[in-house]
Amino acid sequence: IAGPASNVLLALGGLALLWSFHRGAPGWVKPDSYNAYILLSLMFTNVVLAALNMIPIPPLDGSRVLHFFLGRDWDHFFATLEMFSLFGVLLAFQFLGPSVFAPALGTLTLLLANIFDAGYLSQIYRNYWNL
């Protein structure tokens, strides 16, 4: 779980920096600045990577967590599954991606909405998605 945990910590670090600069030096993270864009990109990228990494398909970390809970009786199954891992990851990304990423990004958006005022957040989002 170290990989997804580090992604969550990096996203929280980006959030802490954005909040700190928004409170202490608002000119540095204006909604149209690259600084705000970089910090928002840091948060979104790491939340998506944490969510993707927890899909239980080898070689992603979610498969190791599932394997841990299922026990050693499933060693052969996971070894066989790992042979087709790249194909499985591509299929998971294609078909499970939206259902995995939407809740993760929605949670991040709700967190940001509770921390920042609506005008600032909507301007950052507008600039972020239009760049």
C-alpha atoms as a PDB file:
ATOM      1  CA  ILE A   1       0.000   0.000   0.000  1.00  0.00           C
ATOM      2  CA  ALA A   2       3.087   2.241   0.048  1.00  0.00           C
ATOM      3  CA  GLY A   3       2.608   3.412  -3.556  1.00  0.00           C
ATOM      4  CA  PRO A   4      -1.003   4.618  -3.230  1.00  0.00           C
ATOM      5  CA  ALA A   5      -0.275   6.010   0.247  1.00  0.00           C
ATOM      6  CA  SER A   6       2.611   8.068  -1.128  1.00  0.00           C
ATOM      7  CA  ASN A   7       0.341   9.324  -3.935  1.00  0.00           C
ATOM      8  CA  VAL A   8      -2.259  10.409  -1.383  1.00  0.00           C
ATOM      9  CA  LEU A   9       0.434  12.121   0.703  1.00  0.00           C
ATOM     10  CA  LEU A  10       1.736  13.984  -2.358  1.00  0.00           C
ATOM     11  CA  ALA A  11      -1.811  15.099  -3.226  1.00  0.00           C
ATOM     12  CA  LEU A  12      -2.309  16.292   0.355  1.00  0.00           C
ATOM     13  CA  GLY A  13       1.040  18.094   0.153  1.00  0.00           C
ATOM     14  CA  GLY A  14      -0.118  19.901  -2.992  1.00  0.00           C
ATOM     15  CA  LEU A  15      -3.357  20.791  -1.227  1.00  0.00           C
ATOM     16  CA  ALA A  16      -1.450  22.101   1.796  1.00  0.00           C
ATOM     17  CA  LEU A  17       0.799  24.226  -0.418  1.00  0.00           C
ATOM     18  CA  LEU A  18      -2.132  25.624  -2.392  1.00  0.00           C
ATOM     19  CA  TRP A  19      -4.033  26.442   0.782  1.00  0.00           C
ATOM     20  CA  SER A  20      -0.979  27.973   2.478  1.00  0.00           C
ATOM     21  CA  PHE A  21      -0.150  30.178  -0.479  1.00  0.00           C
ATOM     22  CA  HIS A  22      -3.803  31.097  -0.987  1.00  0.00           C
ATOM     23  CA  ARG A  23      -3.953  32.313   2.630  1.00  0.00           C
ATOM     24  CA  GLY A  24      -0.454  33.766   2.961  1.00  0.00           C
ATOM     25  CA  ALA A  25       0.516  34.940  -0.523  1.00  0.00           C
ATOM     26  CA  PRO A  26      -2.607  34.980  -2.708  1.00  0.00           C
ATOM     27  CA  GLY A  27      -0.804  36.729  -5.544  1.00  0.00           C
ATOM     28  CA  TRP A  28       1.426  33.701  -5.952  1.00  0.00           C
ATOM     29  CA  VAL A  29      -1.483  31.332  -6.682  1.00  0.00           C
ATOM     30  CA  LYS A  30      -3.905  33.497  -8.631  1.00  0.00           C
ATOM     31  CA  PRO A  31      -6.475  31.365 -10.464  1.00  0.00           C
ATOM     32  CA  ASP A  32      -4.838  32.084 -13.826  1.00  0.00           C
ATOM     33  CA  SER A  33      -1.280  31.438 -12.625  1.00  0.00           C
ATOM     34  CA  TYR A  34       0.860  28.483 -13.527  1.00  0.00           C
ATOM     35  CA  ASN A  35       1.598  27.965  -9.849  1.00  0.00           C
ATOM     36  CA  ALA A  36      -2.050  27.132  -9.132  1.00  0.00           C
ATOM     37  CA  TYR A  37      -2.112  24.969 -12.276  1.00  0.00           C
ATOM     38  CA  ILE A  38       0.950  23.009 -11.168  1.00  0.00           C
ATOM     39  CA  LEU A  39      -0.392  22.432  -7.653  1.00  0.00           C
ATOM     40  CA  LEU A  40      -3.810  21.373  -8.968  1.00  0.00           C
ATOM     41  CA  SER A  41      -2.086  19.073 -11.480  1.00  0.00           C
ATOM     42  CA  LEU A  42      -0.051  17.564  -8.647  1.00  0.00           C
ATOM     43  CA  MET A  43      -3.236  16.846  -6.715  1.00  0.00           C
ATOM     44  CA  PHE A  44      -5.239  15.430  -9.641  1.00  0.00           C
ATOM     45  CA  THR A  45      -2.391  13.308 -10.971  1.00  0.00           C
ATOM     46  CA  ASN A  46      -1.624  11.731  -7.614  1.00  0.00           C
ATOM     47  CA  VAL A  47      -5.285  11.047  -6.776  1.00  0.00           C
ATOM     48  CA  VAL A  48      -5.742   9.342 -10.159  1.00  0.00           C
ATOM     49  CA  LEU A  49      -2.542   7.324  -9.702  1.00  0.00           C
ATOM     50  CA  ALA A  50      -3.603   6.210  -6.213  1.00  0.00           C
ATOM     51  CA  ALA A  51      -7.024   5.119  -7.497  1.00  0.00           C
ATOM     52  CA  LEU A  52      -5.542   3.347 -10.532  1.00  0.00           C
ATOM     53  CA  ASN A  53      -2.916   1.595  -8.447  1.00  0.00           C
ATOM     54  CA  MET A  54      -5.560   0.085  -6.162  1.00  0.00           C
ATOM     55  CA  ILE A  55      -7.301  -1.816  -8.995  1.00  0.00           C
ATOM     56  CA  PRO A  56      -6.730  -5.494  -8.076  1.00  0.00           C
ATOM     57  CA  ILE A  57      -4.975  -6.557 -11.287  1.00  0.00           C
ATOM     58  CA  PRO A  58      -1.280  -7.493 -11.333  1.00  0.00           C
ATOM     59  CA  PRO A  59       1.181  -5.713 -11.343  1.00  0.00           C
ATOM     60  CA  LEU A  60      -0.808  -2.962  -9.600  1.00  0.00           C
ATOM     61  CA  ASP A  61      -0.678  -2.724  -5.803  1.00  0.00           C
ATOM     62  CA  GLY A  62      -4.361  -3.564  -5.457  1.00  0.00           C
ATOM     63  CA  SER A  63      -3.597  -7.141  -6.549  1.00  0.00           C
ATOM     64  CA  ARG A  64      -0.985  -7.474  -3.814  1.00  0.00           C
ATOM     65  CA  VAL A  65      -3.448  -6.221  -1.211  1.00  0.00           C
ATOM     66  CA  LEU A  66      -6.068  -8.684  -2.473  1.00  0.00           C
ATOM     67  CA  HIS A  67      -3.490 -11.486  -2.535  1.00  0.00           C
ATOM     68  CA  PHE A  68      -2.560 -10.687   1.060  1.00  0.00           C
ATOM     69  CA  PHE A  69      -6.181 -11.053   2.182  1.00  0.00           C
ATOM     70  CA  LEU A  70      -6.843 -14.196   0.116  1.00  0.00           C
ATOM     71  CA  GLY A  71      -3.750 -16.000   1.382  1.00  0.00           C
ATOM     72  CA  ARG A  72      -1.178 -18.362  -0.065  1.00  0.00           C
ATOM     73  CA  ASP A  73      -3.799 -20.692  -1.523  1.00  0.00           C
ATOM     74  CA  TRP A  74      -4.173 -18.216  -4.379  1.00  0.00           C
ATOM     75  CA  ASP A  75      -0.457 -18.076  -5.328  1.00  0.00           C
ATOM     76  CA  HIS A  76      -0.935 -20.102  -8.516  1.00  0.00           C
ATOM     77  CA  PHE A  77      -3.896 -17.992  -9.619  1.00  0.00           C
ATOM     78  CA  PHE A  78      -2.000 -14.725  -9.153  1.00  0.00           C
ATOM     79  CA  ALA A  79       1.110 -16.129 -10.874  1.00  0.00           C
ATOM     80  CA  THR A  80      -1.010 -17.126 -13.875  1.00  0.00           C
ATOM     81  CA  LEU A  81      -2.798 -13.804 -13.881  1.00  0.00           C
ATOM     82  CA  GLU A  82       0.493 -11.918 -13.837  1.00  0.00           C
ATOM     83  CA  MET A  83       1.456 -13.423 -17.212  1.00  0.00           C
ATOM     84  CA  PHE A  84      -1.358 -11.430 -18.824  1.00  0.00           C
ATOM     85  CA  SER A  85      -0.927  -8.386 -16.600  1.00  0.00           C
ATOM     86  CA  LEU A  86      -0.296  -5.752 -19.273  1.00  0.00           C
ATOM     87  CA  PHE A  87      -3.429  -6.747 -21.155  1.00  0.00           C
ATOM     88  CA  GLY A  88      -5.396  -6.718 -17.896  1.00  0.00           C
ATOM     89  CA  VAL A  89      -4.142  -3.270 -16.932  1.00  0.00           C
ATOM     90  CA  LEU A  90      -5.086  -1.877 -20.336  1.00  0.00           C
ATOM     91  CA  LEU A  91      -8.573  -3.395 -20.107  1.00  0.00           C
ATOM     92  CA  ALA A  92      -8.997  -2.154 -16.546  1.00  0.00           C
ATOM     93  CA  PHE A  93      -7.927   1.324 -17.542  1.00  0.00           C
ATOM     94  CA  GLN A  94     -10.337   1.323 -20.489  1.00  0.00           C
ATOM     95  CA  PHE A  95     -13.414  -0.109 -18.776  1.00  0.00           C
ATOM     96  CA  LEU A  96     -12.917   0.462 -15.045  1.00  0.00           C
ATOM     97  CA  GLY A  97     -11.089   3.762 -15.324  1.00  0.00           C
ATOM     98  CA  PRO A  98     -14.089   6.100 -15.305  1.00  0.00           C
ATOM     99  CA  SER A  99     -15.795   4.258 -12.444  1.00  0.00           C
ATOM    100  CA  VAL A 100     -12.584   4.331 -10.396  1.00  0.00           C
ATOM    101  CA  PHE A 101     -11.465   7.861 -11.214  1.00  0.00           C
ATOM    102  CA  ALA A 102     -14.828   9.641 -10.944  1.00  0.00           C
ATOM    103  CA  PRO A 103     -15.332   8.958  -7.205  1.00  0.00           C
ATOM    104  CA  ALA A 104     -11.689   9.793  -6.435  1.00  0.00           C
ATOM    105  CA  LEU A 105     -11.777  13.067  -8.351  1.00  0.00           C
ATOM    106  CA  GLY A 106     -15.237  13.879  -6.993  1.00  0.00           C
ATOM    107  CA  THR A 107     -13.941  13.453  -3.462  1.00  0.00           C
ATOM    108  CA  LEU A 108     -11.005  15.739  -4.221  1.00  0.00           C
ATOM    109  CA  THR A 109     -13.349  18.334  -5.715  1.00  0.00           C
ATOM    110  CA  LEU A 110     -15.599  18.235  -2.633  1.00  0.00           C
ATOM    111  CA  LEU A 111     -12.569  18.622  -0.384  1.00  0.00           C
ATOM    112  CA  LEU A 112     -11.371  21.599  -2.397  1.00  0.00           C
ATOM    113  CA  ALA A 113     -14.867  23.119  -2.374  1.00  0.00           C
ATOM    114  CA  ASN A 114     -14.950  22.941   1.422  1.00  0.00           C
ATOM    115  CA  ILE A 115     -11.526  24.579   1.768  1.00  0.00           C
ATOM    116  CA  PHE A 116     -11.577  27.323  -0.872  1.00  0.00           C
ATOM    117  CA  ASP A 117     -14.261  29.815  -1.764  1.00  0.00           C
ATOM    118  CA  ALA A 118     -16.416  28.922  -4.768  1.00  0.00           C
ATOM    119  CA  GLY A 119     -15.230  31.812  -6.961  1.00  0.00           C
ATOM    120  CA  TYR A 120     -11.546  30.986  -6.578  1.00  0.00           C
ATOM    121  CA  LEU A 121     -12.096  27.272  -7.122  1.00  0.00           C
ATOM    122  CA  SER A 122     -14.301  27.762 -10.202  1.00  0.00           C
ATOM    123  CA  GLN A 123     -11.707  30.083 -11.766  1.00  0.00           C
ATOM    124  CA  ILE A 124      -8.908  27.604 -11.142  1.00  0.00           C
ATOM    125  CA  TYR A 125     -10.984  24.765 -12.590  1.00  0.00           C
ATOM    126  CA  ARG A 126     -11.961  26.831 -15.627  1.00  0.00           C
ATOM    127  CA  ASN A 127      -8.339  27.723 -16.298  1.00  0.00           C
ATOM    128  CA  TYR A 128      -7.130  24.197 -15.532  1.00  0.00           C
ATOM    129  CA  TRP A 129      -9.459  22.467 -18.000  1.00  0.00           C
ATOM    130  CA  ASN A 130      -9.018  25.111 -20.716  1.00  0.00           C
ATOM    131  CA  LEU A 131      -5.192  25.158 -20.852  1.00  0.00           C
END
